[in-house]
Amino acid sequence: MKTFQLRDGLVLPQVGFGTYRLNGAIGVNTIVSALNTGYRLLDTAFNYENEGAVGEAVRRSGIPRSEILISSKLPGRHHHYQEALNTIQESLYRAGLDYYDLYLIHWPNPQEDHYVEAWRALIAAQKFGLIRSIGVSNFLPEHLQRLAAETGIWPVVNQIELHAYFNQATQRKFDHEHHILDEAWSPLGRGNNEINEPIFQELASKYHKNAGQIILRWQTQLEVLPIPKSSHLTRQKANLDIFDFKLTDTEMAAINQLSKADGRLADQDPAIYQEF
């Protein structure tokens, strides 16, 4: 697996592991399995209520903390500066960690319009040594431009909804031009049946892979970092086994043709969506 080097120097693997709804002892065991399978980037969030499970899995894995990259996210209800700092500290206490490798603002929540204040808190937390790299999630170009205009600092990561029915071409172009790495949440579509599209079945047969592997390979060739989640060992392994083949330009274009203007899974438009 190759890596992505962020503008600030942090190096991330090409595929991470999502932990949404992996809670309690079952969640810990699943995350330990992922780490033992070879994942080295774990994605969680304050609102997932499983930062403790992630931290416990890291400890139980026996893998040195320095070899694992852990990312979490600030919830919308804590965007005020001091609340944001307190929440970042609480995130670390929950996980039993001294620092996060990456911390993101989960949603901009533009109706409240405190995301710049939250960004200033992440900048401060990075200076305090609580976070190595700072980024955002679900931010549109206008949100990113405002962060840079008012603080002088661009995020290094933007985690966005990105799958075959919503390939985010415009957002990806903007982020790439501003040296922001896109991470993909719900990279396999989370039950929207895109995995059953004929193109994926055809390519799976051609390359002796499954449809999910074709989708993840498409994303890495877009220079996007997907964060798939799976509780099953075989799928955990399969989601990493995507680097022994390469899709052609024609195949990439055919997959991109599946994208729809209204392809979001739950109509969560960051211009109006409000996260609690």
C-alpha atoms as a PDB file:
ATOM      1  CA  MET A   1       0.000   0.000   0.000  1.00  0.00           C
ATOM      2  CA  LYS A   2       1.225   3.456  -0.883  1.00  0.00           C
ATOM      3  CA  THR A   3       0.697   6.458   1.364  1.00  0.00           C
ATOM      4  CA  PHE A   4      -0.553  10.023   1.257  1.00  0.00           C
ATOM      5  CA  GLN A   5       1.648  12.748   2.702  1.00  0.00           C
ATOM      6  CA  LEU A   6      -0.369  15.689   3.995  1.00  0.00           C
ATOM      7  CA  ARG A   7       0.724  19.274   3.566  1.00  0.00           C
ATOM      8  CA  ASP A   8       1.874  19.370   7.205  1.00  0.00           C
ATOM      9  CA  GLY A   9       3.986  16.221   6.814  1.00  0.00           C
ATOM     10  CA  LEU A  10       1.684  13.607   8.391  1.00  0.00           C
ATOM     11  CA  VAL A  11       1.675  10.387   6.376  1.00  0.00           C
ATOM     12  CA  LEU A  12      -1.575   8.397   6.049  1.00  0.00           C
ATOM     13  CA  PRO A  13      -2.180   4.982   4.467  1.00  0.00           C
ATOM     14  CA  GLN A  14      -4.321   4.756   1.344  1.00  0.00           C
ATOM     15  CA  VAL A  15      -7.124   2.925   3.178  1.00  0.00           C
ATOM     16  CA  GLY A  16      -8.416   3.453   6.713  1.00  0.00           C
ATOM     17  CA  PHE A  17     -10.904   1.633   8.931  1.00  0.00           C
ATOM     18  CA  GLY A  18     -14.255   3.130   9.893  1.00  0.00           C
ATOM     19  CA  THR A  19     -15.627   2.428  13.357  1.00  0.00           C
ATOM     20  CA  TYR A  20     -19.161   3.859  13.229  1.00  0.00           C
ATOM     21  CA  ARG A  21     -21.473   1.723  15.438  1.00  0.00           C
ATOM     22  CA  LEU A  22     -18.588  -0.405  16.680  1.00  0.00           C
ATOM     23  CA  ASN A  23     -19.221  -0.096  20.408  1.00  0.00           C
ATOM     24  CA  GLY A  24     -18.592  -2.080  23.572  1.00  0.00           C
ATOM     25  CA  ALA A  25     -16.762  -5.396  23.762  1.00  0.00           C
ATOM     26  CA  ILE A  26     -17.937  -6.453  20.294  1.00  0.00           C
ATOM     27  CA  GLY A  27     -16.638  -3.205  18.875  1.00  0.00           C
ATOM     28  CA  VAL A  28     -13.293  -3.599  20.624  1.00  0.00           C
ATOM     29  CA  ASN A  29     -12.872  -7.105  19.235  1.00  0.00           C
ATOM     30  CA  THR A  30     -13.771  -5.963  15.729  1.00  0.00           C
ATOM     31  CA  ILE A  31     -11.275  -3.100  15.830  1.00  0.00           C
ATOM     32  CA  VAL A  32      -8.551  -5.380  17.223  1.00  0.00           C
ATOM     33  CA  SER A  33      -9.253  -7.724  14.305  1.00  0.00           C
ATOM     34  CA  ALA A  34      -8.866  -4.835  11.870  1.00  0.00           C
ATOM     35  CA  LEU A  35      -5.565  -3.797  13.409  1.00  0.00           C
ATOM     36  CA  ASN A  36      -4.277  -7.365  13.296  1.00  0.00           C
ATOM     37  CA  THR A  37      -5.354  -7.556   9.644  1.00  0.00           C
ATOM     38  CA  GLY A  38      -3.135  -4.582   8.809  1.00  0.00           C
ATOM     39  CA  TYR A  39      -5.198  -1.402   9.154  1.00  0.00           C
ATOM     40  CA  ARG A  40      -3.248   1.446  10.686  1.00  0.00           C
ATOM     41  CA  LEU A  41      -5.704   4.355  10.419  1.00  0.00           C
ATOM     42  CA  LEU A  42      -8.791   4.242  12.660  1.00  0.00           C
ATOM     43  CA  ASP A  43     -11.611   6.744  12.167  1.00  0.00           C
ATOM     44  CA  THR A  44     -13.965   7.576  15.037  1.00  0.00           C
ATOM     45  CA  ALA A  45     -15.929  10.588  16.290  1.00  0.00           C
ATOM     46  CA  PHE A  46     -17.198  12.040  19.552  1.00  0.00           C
ATOM     47  CA  ASN A  47     -20.748  11.377  18.358  1.00  0.00           C
ATOM     48  CA  TYR A  48     -20.027   7.716  17.600  1.00  0.00           C
ATOM     49  CA  GLU A  49     -19.686   7.251  21.379  1.00  0.00           C
ATOM     50  CA  ASN A  50     -16.965   4.656  20.840  1.00  0.00           C
ATOM     51  CA  GLU A  51     -13.713   6.550  21.355  1.00  0.00           C
ATOM     52  CA  GLY A  52     -13.244   4.401  24.456  1.00  0.00           C
ATOM     53  CA  ALA A  53     -13.617   1.229  22.421  1.00  0.00           C
ATOM     54  CA  VAL A  54     -11.077   2.503  19.895  1.00  0.00           C
ATOM     55  CA  GLY A  55      -8.563   3.313  22.617  1.00  0.00           C
ATOM     56  CA  GLU A  56      -9.076  -0.045  24.299  1.00  0.00           C
ATOM     57  CA  ALA A  57      -8.626  -1.862  20.993  1.00  0.00           C
ATOM     58  CA  VAL A  58      -5.337  -0.052  20.402  1.00  0.00           C
ATOM     59  CA  ARG A  59      -4.092  -1.144  23.824  1.00  0.00           C
ATOM     60  CA  ARG A  60      -5.250  -4.743  23.408  1.00  0.00           C
ATOM     61  CA  SER A  61      -3.736  -5.061  19.930  1.00  0.00           C
ATOM     62  CA  GLY A  62      -0.204  -4.952  21.280  1.00  0.00           C
ATOM     63  CA  ILE A  63       0.790  -2.717  18.369  1.00  0.00           C
ATOM     64  CA  PRO A  64       2.825   0.320  19.461  1.00  0.00           C
ATOM     65  CA  ARG A  65       0.724   3.480  19.626  1.00  0.00           C
ATOM     66  CA  SER A  66       3.276   5.223  17.418  1.00  0.00           C
ATOM     67  CA  GLU A  67       2.414   2.837  14.565  1.00  0.00           C
ATOM     68  CA  ILE A  68      -1.337   3.560  14.653  1.00  0.00           C
ATOM     69  CA  LEU A  69      -3.042   6.701  13.385  1.00  0.00           C
ATOM     70  CA  ILE A  70      -6.246   7.656  15.180  1.00  0.00           C
ATOM     71  CA  SER A  71      -8.719  10.262  13.985  1.00  0.00           C
ATOM     72  CA  SER A  72     -11.764  11.702  15.767  1.00  0.00           C
ATOM     73  CA  LYS A  73     -14.288  14.493  15.155  1.00  0.00           C
ATOM     74  CA  LEU A  74     -15.802  17.445  16.993  1.00  0.00           C
ATOM     75  CA  PRO A  75     -19.639  17.442  17.176  1.00  0.00           C
ATOM     76  CA  GLY A  76     -21.774  20.343  16.033  1.00  0.00           C
ATOM     77  CA  ARG A  77     -23.122  21.178  19.492  1.00  0.00           C
ATOM     78  CA  HIS A  78     -19.631  22.031  20.774  1.00  0.00           C
ATOM     79  CA  HIS A  79     -18.367  24.570  18.240  1.00  0.00           C
ATOM     80  CA  HIS A  80     -17.889  27.415  20.729  1.00  0.00           C
ATOM     81  CA  TYR A  81     -14.175  27.881  21.381  1.00  0.00           C
ATOM     82  CA  GLN A  82     -13.889  26.734  25.006  1.00  0.00           C
ATOM     83  CA  GLU A  83     -16.477  23.988  24.522  1.00  0.00           C
ATOM     84  CA  ALA A  84     -14.485  22.730  21.564  1.00  0.00           C
ATOM     85  CA  LEU A  85     -11.255  22.605  23.561  1.00  0.00           C
ATOM     86  CA  ASN A  86     -13.035  20.827  26.410  1.00  0.00           C
ATOM     87  CA  THR A  87     -14.518  18.313  23.980  1.00  0.00           C
ATOM     88  CA  ILE A  88     -11.160  17.547  22.398  1.00  0.00           C
ATOM     89  CA  GLN A  89      -9.749  16.899  25.861  1.00  0.00           C
ATOM     90  CA  GLU A  90     -12.778  14.757  26.723  1.00  0.00           C
ATOM     91  CA  SER A  91     -12.224  12.798  23.496  1.00  0.00           C
ATOM     92  CA  LEU A  92      -8.720  11.995  24.653  1.00  0.00           C
ATOM     93  CA  TYR A  93      -9.887  11.058  28.145  1.00  0.00           C
ATOM     94  CA  ARG A  94     -12.522   8.738  26.707  1.00  0.00           C
ATOM     95  CA  ALA A  95      -9.951   6.983  24.529  1.00  0.00           C
ATOM     96  CA  GLY A  96      -7.206   7.002  27.143  1.00  0.00           C
ATOM     97  CA  LEU A  97      -4.855   8.677  24.683  1.00  0.00           C
ATOM     98  CA  ASP A  98      -2.332  11.487  25.008  1.00  0.00           C
ATOM     99  CA  TYR A  99      -2.982  12.821  21.508  1.00  0.00           C
ATOM    100  CA  TYR A 100      -4.955  12.279  18.316  1.00  0.00           C
ATOM    101  CA  ASP A 101      -3.126  12.045  15.042  1.00  0.00           C
ATOM    102  CA  LEU A 102      -5.970  13.772  13.232  1.00  0.00           C
ATOM    103  CA  TYR A 103      -9.001  15.693  14.505  1.00  0.00           C
ATOM    104  CA  LEU A 104     -11.815  17.009  12.321  1.00  0.00           C
ATOM    105  CA  ILE A 105     -14.800  19.315  12.656  1.00  0.00           C
ATOM    106  CA  HIS A 106     -17.588  16.836  11.900  1.00  0.00           C
ATOM    107  CA  TRP A 107     -19.988  19.234  10.078  1.00  0.00           C
ATOM    108  CA  PRO A 108     -19.909  23.009   9.494  1.00  0.00           C
ATOM    109  CA  ASN A 109     -23.454  23.568  10.857  1.00  0.00           C
ATOM    110  CA  PRO A 110     -23.758  26.851   8.926  1.00  0.00           C
ATOM    111  CA  GLN A 111     -27.057  27.888  10.521  1.00  0.00           C
ATOM    112  CA  GLU A 112     -25.325  28.284  13.886  1.00  0.00           C
ATOM    113  CA  ASP A 113     -22.251  29.642  12.082  1.00  0.00           C
ATOM    114  CA  HIS A 114     -19.646  28.869  14.734  1.00  0.00           C
ATOM    115  CA  TYR A 115     -17.392  26.657  12.636  1.00  0.00           C
ATOM    116  CA  VAL A 116     -14.629  29.283  12.369  1.00  0.00           C
ATOM    117  CA  GLU A 117     -14.594  29.499  16.160  1.00  0.00           C
ATOM    118  CA  ALA A 118     -14.334  25.713  16.301  1.00  0.00           C
ATOM    119  CA  TRP A 119     -11.486  25.828  13.791  1.00  0.00           C
ATOM    120  CA  ARG A 120      -9.598  28.281  15.994  1.00  0.00           C
ATOM    121  CA  ALA A 121      -9.984  25.797  18.845  1.00  0.00           C
ATOM    122  CA  LEU A 122      -8.492  23.006  16.717  1.00  0.00           C
ATOM    123  CA  ILE A 123      -5.586  25.276  15.812  1.00  0.00           C
ATOM    124  CA  ALA A 124      -4.988  25.929  19.510  1.00  0.00           C
ATOM    125  CA  ALA A 125      -5.281  22.237  20.407  1.00  0.00           C
ATOM    126  CA  GLN A 126      -2.670  21.441  17.781  1.00  0.00           C
ATOM    127  CA  LYS A 127      -0.325  24.017  19.311  1.00  0.00           C
ATOM    128  CA  PHE A 128      -0.948  22.472  22.739  1.00  0.00           C
ATOM    129  CA  GLY A 129       0.149  19.072  21.389  1.00  0.00           C
ATOM    130  CA  LEU A 130      -3.277  17.425  21.694  1.00  0.00           C
ATOM    131  CA  ILE A 131      -3.587  16.893  17.929  1.00  0.00           C
ATOM    132  CA  ARG A 132      -0.954  16.277  15.275  1.00  0.00           C
ATOM    133  CA  SER A 133      -3.007  17.334  12.240  1.00  0.00           C
ATOM    134  CA  ILE A 134      -6.275  19.226  11.907  1.00  0.00           C
ATOM    135  CA  GLY A 135      -8.975  18.954   9.284  1.00  0.00           C
ATOM    136  CA  VAL A 136     -12.680  19.011   8.619  1.00  0.00           C
ATOM    137  CA  SER A 137     -15.498  16.785   7.457  1.00  0.00           C
ATOM    138  CA  ASN A 138     -18.336  17.634   5.079  1.00  0.00           C
ATOM    139  CA  PHE A 139     -17.053  21.147   4.342  1.00  0.00           C
ATOM    140  CA  LEU A 140     -17.966  22.801   1.050  1.00  0.00           C
ATOM    141  CA  PRO A 141     -15.558  25.102  -0.826  1.00  0.00           C
ATOM    142  CA  GLU A 142     -17.150  28.227   0.660  1.00  0.00           C
ATOM    143  CA  HIS A 143     -16.646  26.882   4.177  1.00  0.00           C
ATOM    144  CA  LEU A 144     -13.012  26.012   3.479  1.00  0.00           C
ATOM    145  CA  GLN A 145     -12.304  29.400   1.916  1.00  0.00           C
ATOM    146  CA  ARG A 146     -13.729  31.151   4.941  1.00  0.00           C
ATOM    147  CA  LEU A 147     -11.539  29.155   7.336  1.00  0.00           C
ATOM    148  CA  ALA A 148      -8.459  30.144   5.367  1.00  0.00           C
ATOM    149  CA  ALA A 149      -9.543  33.787   5.000  1.00  0.00           C
ATOM    150  CA  GLU A 150     -10.218  34.268   8.709  1.00  0.00           C
ATOM    151  CA  THR A 151      -7.421  32.175  10.227  1.00  0.00           C
ATOM    152  CA  GLY A 152      -4.792  31.840   7.501  1.00  0.00           C
ATOM    153  CA  ILE A 153      -4.779  28.051   7.931  1.00  0.00           C
ATOM    154  CA  TRP A 154      -6.275  25.504   5.539  1.00  0.00           C
ATOM    155  CA  PRO A 155      -7.379  22.036   6.690  1.00  0.00           C
ATOM    156  CA  VAL A 156      -5.172  19.170   5.539  1.00  0.00           C
ATOM    157  CA  VAL A 157      -8.082  16.706   5.265  1.00  0.00           C
ATOM    158  CA  ASN A 158     -11.729  16.950   4.241  1.00  0.00           C
ATOM    159  CA  GLN A 159     -13.727  13.793   4.982  1.00  0.00           C
ATOM    160  CA  ILE A 160     -16.737  13.748   2.643  1.00  0.00           C
ATOM    161  CA  GLU A 161     -19.521  11.487   1.490  1.00  0.00           C
ATOM    162  CA  LEU A 162     -18.070   9.823  -1.593  1.00  0.00           C
ATOM    163  CA  HIS A 163     -19.204   6.680  -3.369  1.00  0.00           C
ATOM    164  CA  ALA A 164     -20.035   5.607  -6.907  1.00  0.00           C
ATOM    165  CA  TYR A 165     -23.425   7.364  -6.941  1.00  0.00           C
ATOM    166  CA  PHE A 166     -21.893  10.585  -5.620  1.00  0.00           C
ATOM    167  CA  ASN A 167     -18.320  10.992  -6.746  1.00  0.00           C
ATOM    168  CA  GLN A 168     -17.889  14.629  -5.640  1.00  0.00           C
ATOM    169  CA  ALA A 169     -15.941  15.663  -8.734  1.00  0.00           C
ATOM    170  CA  THR A 170     -16.286  19.410  -8.103  1.00  0.00           C
ATOM    171  CA  GLN A 171     -15.396  19.143  -4.416  1.00  0.00           C
ATOM    172  CA  ARG A 172     -12.458  16.875  -5.164  1.00  0.00           C
ATOM    173  CA  LYS A 173     -11.096  19.303  -7.745  1.00  0.00           C
ATOM    174  CA  PHE A 174     -11.268  22.204  -5.275  1.00  0.00           C
ATOM    175  CA  ASP A 175      -9.683  20.221  -2.467  1.00  0.00           C
ATOM    176  CA  HIS A 176      -6.894  18.910  -4.681  1.00  0.00           C
ATOM    177  CA  GLU A 177      -6.089  22.435  -5.875  1.00  0.00           C
ATOM    178  CA  HIS A 178      -5.749  23.520  -2.243  1.00  0.00           C
ATOM    179  CA  HIS A 179      -3.671  20.503  -1.153  1.00  0.00           C
ATOM    180  CA  ILE A 180      -6.470  19.013   0.941  1.00  0.00           C
ATOM    181  CA  LEU A 181      -6.728  15.220   1.019  1.00  0.00           C
ATOM    182  CA  ASP A 182     -10.239  13.847   0.596  1.00  0.00           C
ATOM    183  CA  GLU A 183     -11.277  10.929   2.770  1.00  0.00           C
ATOM    184  CA  ALA A 184     -14.423   9.013   1.770  1.00  0.00           C
ATOM    185  CA  TRP A 185     -17.077   8.109   4.303  1.00  0.00           C
ATOM    186  CA  SER A 186     -19.569   5.408   3.301  1.00  0.00           C
ATOM    187  CA  PRO A 187     -17.230   4.530   0.416  1.00  0.00           C
ATOM    188  CA  LEU A 188     -19.298   1.463  -0.511  1.00  0.00           C
ATOM    189  CA  GLY A 189     -22.619   3.291  -0.445  1.00  0.00           C
ATOM    190  CA  ARG A 190     -24.021   1.898   2.821  1.00  0.00           C
ATOM    191  CA  GLY A 191     -26.766  -0.268   1.349  1.00  0.00           C
ATOM    192  CA  ASN A 192     -27.776   1.839  -1.671  1.00  0.00           C
ATOM    193  CA  ASN A 193     -27.211  -1.125  -4.034  1.00  0.00           C
ATOM    194  CA  GLU A 194     -24.516   0.554  -6.118  1.00  0.00           C
ATOM    195  CA  ILE A 195     -22.376  -2.497  -5.472  1.00  0.00           C
ATOM    196  CA  ASN A 196     -24.775  -4.452  -7.721  1.00  0.00           C
ATOM    197  CA  GLU A 197     -24.195  -2.228 -10.756  1.00  0.00           C
ATOM    198  CA  PRO A 198     -23.232  -4.319 -13.821  1.00  0.00           C
ATOM    199  CA  ILE A 199     -19.945  -2.434 -14.274  1.00  0.00           C
ATOM    200  CA  PHE A 200     -18.734  -3.633 -10.881  1.00  0.00           C
ATOM    201  CA  GLN A 201     -19.780  -7.208 -11.545  1.00  0.00           C
ATOM    202  CA  GLU A 202     -17.981  -7.162 -14.901  1.00  0.00           C
ATOM    203  CA  LEU A 203     -14.797  -5.682 -13.476  1.00  0.00           C
ATOM    204  CA  ALA A 204     -14.883  -8.034 -10.494  1.00  0.00           C
ATOM    205  CA  SER A 205     -14.930 -10.953 -12.902  1.00  0.00           C
ATOM    206  CA  LYS A 206     -12.159  -9.473 -15.034  1.00  0.00           C
ATOM    207  CA  TYR A 207      -9.785  -8.787 -12.121  1.00  0.00           C
ATOM    208  CA  HIS A 208     -10.815 -11.737  -9.925  1.00  0.00           C
ATOM    209  CA  LYS A 209     -11.988  -9.424  -7.157  1.00  0.00           C
ATOM    210  CA  ASN A 210     -15.314  -8.613  -5.556  1.00  0.00           C
ATOM    211  CA  ALA A 211     -17.398  -5.535  -6.375  1.00  0.00           C
ATOM    212  CA  GLY A 212     -16.411  -3.761  -3.153  1.00  0.00           C
ATOM    213  CA  GLN A 213     -12.749  -4.133  -4.008  1.00  0.00           C
ATOM    214  CA  ILE A 214     -13.365  -2.574  -7.422  1.00  0.00           C
ATOM    215  CA  ILE A 215     -15.087   0.421  -5.797  1.00  0.00           C
ATOM    216  CA  LEU A 216     -12.300   0.926  -3.272  1.00  0.00           C
ATOM    217  CA  ARG A 217      -9.652   0.657  -5.982  1.00  0.00           C
ATOM    218  CA  TRP A 218     -11.542   3.263  -8.035  1.00  0.00           C
ATOM    219  CA  GLN A 219     -11.414   5.613  -5.055  1.00  0.00           C
ATOM    220  CA  THR A 220      -7.719   5.178  -4.396  1.00  0.00           C
ATOM    221  CA  GLN A 221      -7.042   5.872  -8.076  1.00  0.00           C
ATOM    222  CA  LEU A 222      -9.026   9.100  -7.650  1.00  0.00           C
ATOM    223  CA  GLU A 223      -6.448   9.910  -4.937  1.00  0.00           C
ATOM    224  CA  VAL A 224      -9.113   9.592  -2.272  1.00  0.00           C
ATOM    225  CA  LEU A 225      -8.625   7.753   1.030  1.00  0.00           C
ATOM    226  CA  PRO A 226     -11.620   5.453   1.662  1.00  0.00           C
ATOM    227  CA  ILE A 227     -12.582   4.424   5.190  1.00  0.00           C
ATOM    228  CA  PRO A 228     -14.625   1.228   4.849  1.00  0.00           C
ATOM    229  CA  LYS A 229     -16.039  -0.546   7.888  1.00  0.00           C
ATOM    230  CA  SER A 230     -16.598  -4.261   8.252  1.00  0.00           C
ATOM    231  CA  SER A 231     -17.168  -6.537  11.211  1.00  0.00           C
ATOM    232  CA  HIS A 232     -16.175  -9.627   9.220  1.00  0.00           C
ATOM    233  CA  LEU A 233     -12.561 -10.729   9.002  1.00  0.00           C
ATOM    234  CA  THR A 234     -12.790 -11.879   5.387  1.00  0.00           C
ATOM    235  CA  ARG A 235     -14.130  -8.504   4.256  1.00  0.00           C
ATOM    236  CA  GLN A 236     -11.615  -6.642   6.394  1.00  0.00           C
ATOM    237  CA  LYS A 237      -8.872  -8.509   4.544  1.00  0.00           C
ATOM    238  CA  ALA A 238     -10.514  -8.066   1.158  1.00  0.00           C
ATOM    239  CA  ASN A 239     -10.853  -4.297   1.590  1.00  0.00           C
ATOM    240  CA  LEU A 240      -7.079  -4.040   1.910  1.00  0.00           C
ATOM    241  CA  ASP A 241      -6.371  -6.430  -0.964  1.00  0.00           C
ATOM    242  CA  ILE A 242      -6.855  -3.887  -3.746  1.00  0.00           C
ATOM    243  CA  PHE A 243      -3.342  -2.972  -4.825  1.00  0.00           C
ATOM    244  CA  ASP A 244      -2.403  -5.860  -7.119  1.00  0.00           C
ATOM    245  CA  PHE A 245      -4.393  -4.501 -10.070  1.00  0.00           C
ATOM    246  CA  LYS A 246      -5.165  -1.159 -11.690  1.00  0.00           C
ATOM    247  CA  LEU A 247      -8.311   0.065 -13.418  1.00  0.00           C
ATOM    248  CA  THR A 248      -7.873   1.537 -16.894  1.00  0.00           C
ATOM    249  CA  ASP A 249      -8.786   5.124 -17.722  1.00  0.00           C
ATOM    250  CA  THR A 250     -11.811   3.838 -19.636  1.00  0.00           C
ATOM    251  CA  GLU A 251     -12.973   1.798 -16.661  1.00  0.00           C
ATOM    252  CA  MET A 252     -12.482   4.747 -14.325  1.00  0.00           C
ATOM    253  CA  ALA A 253     -14.570   6.928 -16.645  1.00  0.00           C
ATOM    254  CA  ALA A 254     -17.335   4.321 -16.805  1.00  0.00           C
ATOM    255  CA  ILE A 255     -17.572   4.212 -13.013  1.00  0.00           C
ATOM    256  CA  ASN A 256     -17.631   7.992 -12.836  1.00  0.00           C
ATOM    257  CA  GLN A 257     -20.653   7.971 -15.139  1.00  0.00           C
ATOM    258  CA  LEU A 258     -22.683   6.393 -12.313  1.00  0.00           C
ATOM    259  CA  SER A 259     -22.543   9.575 -10.244  1.00  0.00           C
ATOM    260  CA  LYS A 260     -25.803  11.461  -9.741  1.00  0.00           C
ATOM    261  CA  ALA A 261     -26.479  15.070  -8.791  1.00  0.00           C
ATOM    262  CA  ASP A 262     -28.862  13.828  -6.079  1.00  0.00           C
ATOM    263  CA  GLY A 263     -26.773  10.831  -5.133  1.00  0.00           C
ATOM    264  CA  ARG A 264     -26.336  11.572  -1.439  1.00  0.00           C
ATOM    265  CA  LEU A 265     -27.401   8.699   0.793  1.00  0.00           C
ATOM    266  CA  ALA A 266     -29.604  10.744   3.126  1.00  0.00           C
ATOM    267  CA  ASP A 267     -29.791  14.199   1.546  1.00  0.00           C
ATOM    268  CA  GLN A 268     -27.222  15.510   4.030  1.00  0.00           C
ATOM    269  CA  ASP A 269     -26.228  18.670   2.178  1.00  0.00           C
ATOM    270  CA  PRO A 270     -23.551  20.501   4.215  1.00  0.00           C
ATOM    271  CA  ALA A 271     -24.989  23.839   3.062  1.00  0.00           C
ATOM    272  CA  ILE A 272     -28.062  23.218   5.227  1.00  0.00           C
ATOM    273  CA  TYR A 273     -27.574  20.020   7.239  1.00  0.00           C
ATOM    274  CA  GLN A 274     -27.348  20.482  11.005  1.00  0.00           C
ATOM    275  CA  GLU A 275     -25.501  17.913  13.131  1.00  0.00           C
ATOM    276  CA  PHE A 276     -26.399  17.876  16.812  1.00  0.00           C
END
